[in-house]
């Protein structure tokens, strides 16, 4: 079989570029589509490793100086050779993609040979591109090595983390009242000055702030949360149905960071009034318990893997920091629209989306 380092480098670099820019969520399979799941054999019968699976007629495996010496020469690729190439580009390539990849790889081999015949693999321009491809491939291999190392998590690692973060896996059955930040005012029947309109809005906000204090006092006195919620929403004149007060079992990380202290309360206790830009919150803590280790084991494994990835990538990035000449590059600016900054590294977690402030109901 012919060995074309250039082709392998180009294909591996192409895969690296696609992996960095494509979304991580696989496209759903169309209803009724045929095919095996990713990583499983597509063949209905076993093909031996040494069996030829690709034949490229007209491409000489060992071309001689005399191009017309053997017009019927060909290049063959066995299953083992092809799967080795696939693994270097994309491990566990889905079977439905293999044929497409095989066709493109074969075409690339033919074009690479034509480029060689034209002498395009000689000279500084080719050497410069090969240097860049080498950097890209090494970066890909480094990322893969870091991911593999970060994924080496033992059961003891998971148990130790669970014990050290036991508070994070505690659940509480929460009830919550939400009081909107301001009354929803109807349009004024008379034209108001800017100052008058501002004061009108300020008064509407003050009414709800005082209402939050009143509701809190009544909640502490033992009044029903659902009743208090309905009255607060009626006063606010906000359109729509008042949110349910029942949140169900919630963990600390299921609450906004400025409200997570609710989890420190004991069963039966009521929180102080908490607020954000959307309004005011009052919690009551019900039964508390801890999720068992076996239920959160895989979650912890993912957390540890992400942490280790971030630590290793940060250490690698901080081992060498660039300084750019502003006289040449200009001052640092935000990336142009439609050109996001590259991700910090493989496996970095996506930012947790904040709950919409206008949707304070149970999650």
Protein backbone atom coordinates (compact mmCIF):
# COMPACT_ATOMS: atom_id res chain seq x y z
CA UNK A 1 0.00 0.00 0.00
CA UNK A 2 1.22 3.49 -0.72
CA UNK A 3 2.06 5.67 2.29
CA UNK A 4 1.32 9.34 1.84
CA UNK A 5 2.27 11.32 4.91
CA UNK A 6 0.94 14.48 3.36
CA UNK A 7 -2.51 13.02 2.83
CA UNK A 8 -2.70 11.67 6.37
CA UNK A 9 -1.62 15.01 7.76
CA UNK A 10 -4.17 16.88 5.70
CA UNK A 11 -7.00 14.55 6.63
CA UNK A 12 -6.10 14.57 10.31
CA UNK A 13 -5.83 18.33 10.30
CA UNK A 14 -9.18 18.57 8.51
CA UNK A 15 -10.74 16.39 11.19
CA UNK A 16 -9.17 18.56 13.90
CA UNK A 17 -10.63 21.70 12.37
CA UNK A 18 -14.08 20.19 12.00
CA UNK A 19 -14.08 18.90 15.58
CA UNK A 20 -13.24 22.35 16.88
CA UNK A 21 -16.01 24.09 14.98
CA UNK A 22 -18.84 21.58 14.82
CA UNK A 23 -21.46 21.26 17.59
CA UNK A 24 -21.01 18.41 20.05
CA UNK A 25 -24.61 17.27 19.85
CA UNK A 26 -25.07 14.64 17.12
CA UNK A 27 -27.81 15.17 14.59
CA UNK A 28 -30.83 12.99 15.26
CA UNK A 29 -31.33 10.08 12.89
CA UNK A 30 -34.18 10.53 10.48
CA UNK A 31 -37.21 8.35 11.17
CA UNK A 32 -36.98 5.05 9.36
CA UNK A 33 -33.30 5.57 8.51
CA UNK A 34 -31.29 2.40 8.25
CA UNK A 35 -27.84 1.84 9.63
CA UNK A 36 -25.94 0.69 12.67
CA UNK A 37 -25.23 2.92 15.67
CA UNK A 38 -21.91 4.72 15.85
CA UNK A 39 -18.98 2.44 16.50
CA UNK A 40 -20.77 -0.83 15.63
CA UNK A 41 -19.99 -2.93 12.53
CA UNK A 42 -22.01 -2.04 9.46
CA UNK A 43 -21.26 -5.35 7.73
CA UNK A 44 -23.76 -8.17 7.72
CA UNK A 45 -20.84 -10.61 7.61
CA UNK A 46 -17.39 -10.43 9.12
CA UNK A 47 -14.65 -9.12 6.80
CA UNK A 48 -11.13 -10.42 7.64
CA UNK A 49 -8.54 -7.77 8.66
CA UNK A 50 -6.32 -8.64 5.67
CA UNK A 51 -9.16 -8.47 3.13
CA UNK A 52 -8.95 -5.69 0.55
CA UNK A 53 -11.74 -3.16 1.10
CA UNK A 54 -10.54 -0.35 -1.22
CA UNK A 55 -9.01 -0.74 -4.67
CA UNK A 56 -7.82 2.32 -6.58
CA UNK A 57 -7.23 1.36 -10.18
CA UNK A 58 -4.63 3.42 -12.01
CA UNK A 59 -2.82 4.52 -8.84
CA UNK A 60 0.51 2.75 -8.57
CA UNK A 61 1.58 1.64 -5.12
CA UNK A 62 5.23 1.92 -6.13
CA UNK A 63 5.39 4.09 -9.25
CA UNK A 64 8.49 3.79 -11.38
CA UNK A 65 10.26 6.56 -13.23
CA UNK A 66 8.64 5.32 -16.43
CA UNK A 67 4.95 6.24 -15.93
CA UNK A 68 3.87 4.05 -18.86
CA UNK A 69 5.58 0.87 -17.64
CA UNK A 70 2.49 -0.55 -15.95
CA UNK A 71 -0.77 1.09 -17.08
CA UNK A 72 -2.80 -1.45 -15.09
CA UNK A 73 -1.20 -0.85 -11.69
CA UNK A 74 -3.38 -0.28 -8.66
CA UNK A 75 -3.33 0.48 -4.98
CA UNK A 76 -5.15 -1.69 -2.48
CA UNK A 77 -6.07 -0.98 1.13
CA UNK A 78 -7.02 -3.71 3.57
CA UNK A 79 -9.64 -3.46 6.28
CA UNK A 80 -6.93 -3.28 8.98
CA UNK A 81 -5.10 -0.50 7.12
CA UNK A 82 -8.29 1.47 6.51
CA UNK A 83 -9.46 1.18 10.12
CA UNK A 84 -6.04 2.35 11.32
CA UNK A 85 -6.43 5.45 9.17
CA UNK A 86 -9.98 6.02 10.46
CA UNK A 87 -8.83 5.72 14.06
CA UNK A 88 -6.15 8.35 13.50
CA UNK A 89 -8.74 10.77 12.10
CA UNK A 90 -11.91 9.97 14.04
CA UNK A 91 -12.06 7.00 16.41
CA UNK A 92 -15.37 5.12 16.35
CA UNK A 93 -16.36 6.64 13.04
CA UNK A 94 -20.07 5.92 12.41
CA UNK A 95 -20.55 3.19 9.81
CA UNK A 96 -22.78 5.46 7.72
CA UNK A 97 -19.80 7.83 7.33
CA UNK A 98 -17.19 5.21 6.43
CA UNK A 99 -18.10 4.93 2.75
CA UNK A 100 -18.04 8.70 2.31
CA UNK A 101 -14.69 8.92 4.08
CA UNK A 102 -13.28 6.05 2.01
CA UNK A 103 -14.29 7.79 -1.21
CA UNK A 104 -12.76 11.09 -0.16
CA UNK A 105 -9.60 9.43 1.12
CA UNK A 106 -9.16 7.57 -2.17
CA UNK A 107 -9.67 10.79 -4.11
CA UNK A 108 -7.12 12.53 -1.90
CA UNK A 109 -4.56 9.80 -2.58
CA UNK A 110 -5.02 10.25 -6.33
CA UNK A 111 -4.72 14.03 -6.12
CA UNK A 112 -1.68 13.76 -3.85
CA UNK A 113 0.06 11.57 -6.42
CA UNK A 114 -0.76 14.07 -9.18
CA UNK A 115 0.62 16.86 -6.99
CA UNK A 116 3.79 14.80 -6.47
CA UNK A 117 4.17 14.30 -10.22
CA UNK A 118 3.90 18.08 -10.66
CA UNK A 119 6.61 18.63 -8.05
CA UNK A 120 4.26 20.46 -5.68
CA UNK A 121 5.73 18.64 -2.67
CA UNK A 122 9.04 20.38 -3.13
CA UNK A 123 10.18 23.82 -2.08
CA UNK A 124 9.72 26.24 0.83
CA UNK A 125 5.99 26.80 0.27
CA UNK A 126 5.28 23.10 0.75
CA UNK A 127 7.62 22.90 3.74
CA UNK A 128 5.90 25.85 5.44
CA UNK A 129 2.49 24.25 5.05
CA UNK A 130 3.76 20.94 6.37
CA UNK A 131 5.07 22.72 9.47
CA UNK A 132 1.63 24.17 10.09
CA UNK A 133 -0.02 20.79 9.54
CA UNK A 134 2.41 19.23 12.00
CA UNK A 135 1.44 21.79 14.63
CA UNK A 136 -2.25 21.11 14.05
CA UNK A 137 -1.85 17.34 14.26
CA UNK A 138 0.28 17.57 17.40
CA UNK A 139 -2.32 19.85 18.97
CA UNK A 140 -5.01 17.29 18.18
CA UNK A 141 -2.94 14.48 19.65
CA UNK A 142 -2.21 16.55 22.76
CA UNK A 143 -5.92 17.25 23.24
CA UNK A 144 -6.72 13.56 22.88
CA UNK A 145 -3.99 12.58 25.34
CA UNK A 146 -5.22 15.13 27.88
CA UNK A 147 -8.79 13.88 27.53
CA UNK A 148 -7.72 10.27 28.01
CA UNK A 149 -5.69 11.15 31.09
CA UNK A 150 -8.51 13.24 32.56
CA UNK A 151 -10.90 10.33 32.03
CA UNK A 152 -8.86 7.98 34.21
CA UNK A 153 -11.07 8.31 37.29
CA UNK A 154 -11.24 5.53 39.84
CA UNK A 155 -14.17 4.57 42.04
CA UNK A 156 -12.12 5.78 45.01
CA UNK A 157 -11.73 9.22 43.38
CA UNK A 158 -15.50 9.39 42.99
CA UNK A 159 -16.17 8.28 46.57
CA UNK A 160 -13.66 10.79 47.98
CA UNK A 161 -15.23 13.61 45.98
CA UNK A 162 -18.72 12.61 47.12
CA UNK A 163 -17.65 12.70 50.77
CA UNK A 164 -15.87 16.04 50.42
CA UNK A 165 -18.84 17.62 48.62
CA UNK A 166 -21.66 15.94 50.54
CA UNK A 167 -23.53 19.25 50.95
CA UNK A 168 -23.75 19.57 47.17
CA UNK A 169 -25.73 16.34 46.94
CA UNK A 170 -28.21 17.19 49.67
CA UNK A 171 -31.77 17.70 48.47
CA UNK A 172 -34.55 19.71 50.08
CA UNK A 173 -38.25 19.77 49.29
CA UNK A 174 -38.72 23.52 48.75
CA UNK A 175 -41.76 25.77 48.67
CA UNK A 176 -41.31 29.30 47.30
CA UNK A 177 -43.22 32.53 47.00
CA UNK A 178 -42.28 34.93 44.23
CA UNK A 179 -43.25 38.60 44.48
CA UNK A 180 -42.69 40.64 41.29
CA UNK A 181 -40.28 43.55 41.57
CA UNK A 182 -42.87 46.12 40.52
CA UNK A 183 -46.54 46.50 39.84
CA UNK A 184 -47.46 46.29 36.18
CA UNK A 185 -48.86 49.75 35.67
CA UNK A 186 -51.51 50.62 33.08
CA UNK A 187 -50.79 53.44 30.69
CA UNK A 188 -51.37 56.84 32.28
CA UNK A 189 -54.54 58.60 31.13
CA UNK A 190 -52.70 61.93 31.15
CA UNK A 191 -49.33 62.77 29.69
CA UNK A 192 -46.67 62.76 32.43
CA UNK A 193 -43.30 64.41 32.51
CA UNK A 194 -40.23 62.22 32.59
CA UNK A 195 -39.75 62.98 36.28
CA UNK A 196 -43.39 62.17 37.08
CA UNK A 197 -43.23 58.91 35.15
CA UNK A 198 -40.04 57.96 36.98
CA UNK A 199 -41.67 58.67 40.34
CA UNK A 200 -44.74 56.66 39.34
CA UNK A 201 -42.54 53.67 38.56
CA UNK A 202 -40.61 54.12 41.79
CA UNK A 203 -43.85 54.10 43.78
CA UNK A 204 -44.94 50.90 42.02
CA UNK A 205 -41.68 49.25 43.01
CA UNK A 206 -41.98 50.46 46.62
CA UNK A 207 -45.47 48.95 46.90
CA UNK A 208 -44.11 45.51 45.98
CA UNK A 209 -41.08 45.85 48.26
CA UNK A 210 -43.37 46.52 51.21
CA UNK A 211 -45.63 43.69 50.08
CA UNK A 212 -42.67 41.31 50.18
CA UNK A 213 -42.03 42.23 53.83
CA UNK A 214 -45.70 41.73 54.68
CA UNK A 215 -45.86 38.39 52.90
CA UNK A 216 -42.74 37.24 54.73
CA UNK A 217 -44.23 38.11 58.11
CA UNK A 218 -47.43 36.24 57.26
CA UNK A 219 -45.46 33.24 56.01
CA UNK A 220 -43.47 33.09 59.24
CA UNK A 221 -46.78 33.25 61.12
CA UNK A 222 -47.82 30.08 59.33
CA UNK A 223 -50.12 31.23 56.53
CA UNK A 224 -50.47 29.10 53.41
CA UNK A 225 -47.82 29.76 50.76
CA UNK A 226 -50.18 29.21 47.82
CA UNK A 227 -52.65 31.77 49.22
CA UNK A 228 -49.89 34.33 49.82
CA UNK A 229 -48.52 33.77 46.31
CA UNK A 230 -51.91 34.35 44.71
CA UNK A 231 -52.49 37.58 46.67
CA UNK A 232 -49.04 38.95 45.82
CA UNK A 233 -49.57 38.28 42.13
CA UNK A 234 -52.98 39.92 42.21
CA UNK A 235 -51.47 43.05 43.78
CA UNK A 236 -48.71 43.14 41.17
CA UNK A 237 -51.28 43.13 38.33
CA UNK A 238 -48.87 40.96 36.33
CA UNK A 239 -50.74 39.16 33.57
CA UNK A 240 -50.83 35.40 33.66
CA UNK A 241 -51.32 32.76 36.29
CA UNK A 242 -49.35 32.96 39.51
CA UNK A 243 -46.47 30.45 39.59
CA UNK A 244 -46.78 27.31 41.66
CA UNK A 245 -45.15 27.47 45.06
CA UNK A 246 -44.11 23.81 44.95
CA UNK A 247 -40.57 23.36 43.64
CA UNK A 248 -40.12 19.73 44.62
CA UNK A 249 -36.73 18.38 45.61
CA UNK A 250 -33.92 20.77 44.73
CA UNK A 251 -30.16 20.65 45.21
CA UNK A 252 -27.92 23.57 46.03
CA UNK A 253 -26.75 23.92 42.43
CA UNK A 254 -30.38 24.08 41.31
CA UNK A 255 -30.78 27.49 42.95
CA UNK A 256 -29.40 30.87 41.90
CA UNK A 257 -26.04 31.43 43.60
CA UNK A 258 -27.40 34.31 45.70
CA UNK A 259 -30.19 32.06 47.01
CA UNK A 260 -28.21 28.85 47.62
CA UNK A 261 -27.95 29.66 51.34
CA UNK A 262 -31.54 28.39 51.60
CA UNK A 263 -30.02 24.90 51.72
CA UNK A 264 -28.38 25.79 55.05
CA UNK A 265 -31.78 26.14 56.72
CA UNK A 266 -33.34 23.33 58.72
CA UNK A 267 -36.55 21.53 57.85
CA UNK A 268 -39.53 23.79 58.56
CA UNK A 269 -37.54 27.03 58.54
CA UNK A 270 -38.42 30.00 56.34
CA UNK A 271 -35.79 32.11 54.63
CA UNK A 272 -35.37 35.85 54.78
CA UNK A 273 -36.64 37.84 51.80
CA UNK A 274 -34.21 37.39 48.91
CA UNK A 275 -34.21 39.48 45.79
CA UNK A 276 -32.87 39.86 42.31
CA UNK A 277 -33.77 42.09 39.37
CA UNK A 278 -36.99 40.18 38.76
CA UNK A 279 -38.45 40.34 42.25
CA UNK A 280 -38.46 38.91 45.76
CA UNK A 281 -38.30 35.30 46.94
CA UNK A 282 -39.32 33.60 50.16
CA UNK A 283 -38.51 29.93 50.71
CA UNK A 284 -39.71 27.29 53.11
CA UNK A 285 -37.58 24.19 53.60
CA UNK A 286 -39.29 20.82 53.76
CA UNK A 287 -37.80 17.38 54.17
CA UNK A 288 -34.05 17.13 53.49
CA UNK A 289 -32.04 14.10 52.46
CA UNK A 290 -28.91 13.23 50.48
CA UNK A 291 -28.81 11.57 47.09
CA UNK A 292 -26.99 8.22 47.32
CA UNK A 293 -23.58 7.80 45.74
CA UNK A 294 -24.74 5.28 43.16
CA UNK A 295 -27.28 7.77 41.82
CA UNK A 296 -24.74 10.58 41.27
CA UNK A 297 -21.70 8.46 40.41
CA UNK A 298 -21.65 9.27 36.70
CA UNK A 299 -22.37 12.93 37.38
CA UNK A 300 -19.33 13.07 39.67
CA UNK A 301 -17.23 11.27 37.08
CA UNK A 302 -18.14 13.94 34.54
CA UNK A 303 -17.41 16.72 37.02
CA UNK A 304 -13.99 15.33 37.87
CA UNK A 305 -13.17 14.80 34.21
CA UNK A 306 -14.09 18.38 33.38
CA UNK A 307 -12.10 19.76 36.30
CA UNK A 308 -9.01 17.79 35.32
CA UNK A 309 -9.34 18.82 31.70
CA UNK A 310 -9.54 22.47 32.68
CA UNK A 311 -6.58 22.19 35.04
CA UNK A 312 -4.37 20.45 32.50
CA UNK A 313 -5.33 22.77 29.65
CA UNK A 314 -4.81 25.83 31.85
CA UNK A 315 -1.38 24.58 32.93
CA UNK A 316 -0.41 23.95 29.31
CA UNK A 317 -1.66 27.34 28.11
CA UNK A 318 0.03 29.21 30.96
CA UNK A 319 3.35 27.47 30.31
CA UNK A 320 3.82 29.78 27.35
CA UNK A 321 2.03 33.09 26.91
CA UNK A 322 2.28 35.22 23.77
CA UNK A 323 2.94 38.95 23.69
CA UNK A 324 1.85 40.64 20.48
CA UNK A 325 3.34 43.81 19.07
CA UNK A 326 0.48 46.33 19.03
CA UNK A 327 2.31 48.46 16.48
CA UNK A 328 1.90 45.57 14.04
CA UNK A 329 -1.29 43.82 15.22
CA UNK A 330 -3.11 46.81 16.66
CA UNK A 331 -4.88 46.85 20.04
CA UNK A 332 -6.84 43.83 21.21
CA UNK A 333 -10.47 43.94 20.12
CA UNK A 334 -13.54 41.76 20.41
CA UNK A 335 -13.82 39.18 17.60
CA UNK A 336 -15.83 40.28 14.55
CA UNK A 337 -19.52 39.38 14.46
CA UNK A 338 -19.95 35.76 13.52
CA UNK A 339 -16.37 34.84 14.50
CA UNK A 340 -16.44 33.55 18.09
CA UNK A 341 -13.30 33.09 20.13
CA UNK A 342 -11.92 29.52 20.16
CA UNK A 343 -12.98 27.35 23.08
CA UNK A 344 -10.64 27.15 26.10
CA UNK A 345 -10.01 23.48 25.50
CA UNK A 346 -11.64 20.12 24.99
CA UNK A 347 -14.29 19.16 27.48
CA UNK A 348 -14.68 22.62 28.93
CA UNK A 349 -18.18 22.92 30.38
CA UNK A 350 -20.71 25.22 28.85
CA UNK A 351 -21.87 28.07 31.04
CA UNK A 352 -24.94 27.07 33.04
CA UNK A 353 -27.85 29.11 31.69
CA UNK A 354 -29.51 31.25 34.28
CA UNK A 355 -33.20 30.75 34.91
CA UNK A 356 -35.29 33.48 33.27
CA UNK A 357 -36.04 36.08 35.93
CA UNK A 358 -39.65 36.21 34.76
CA UNK A 359 -40.09 32.45 35.32
CA UNK A 360 -39.71 31.88 39.02
CA UNK A 361 -41.79 28.70 39.08
CA UNK A 362 -40.39 25.26 39.89
CA UNK A 363 -37.59 23.96 37.76
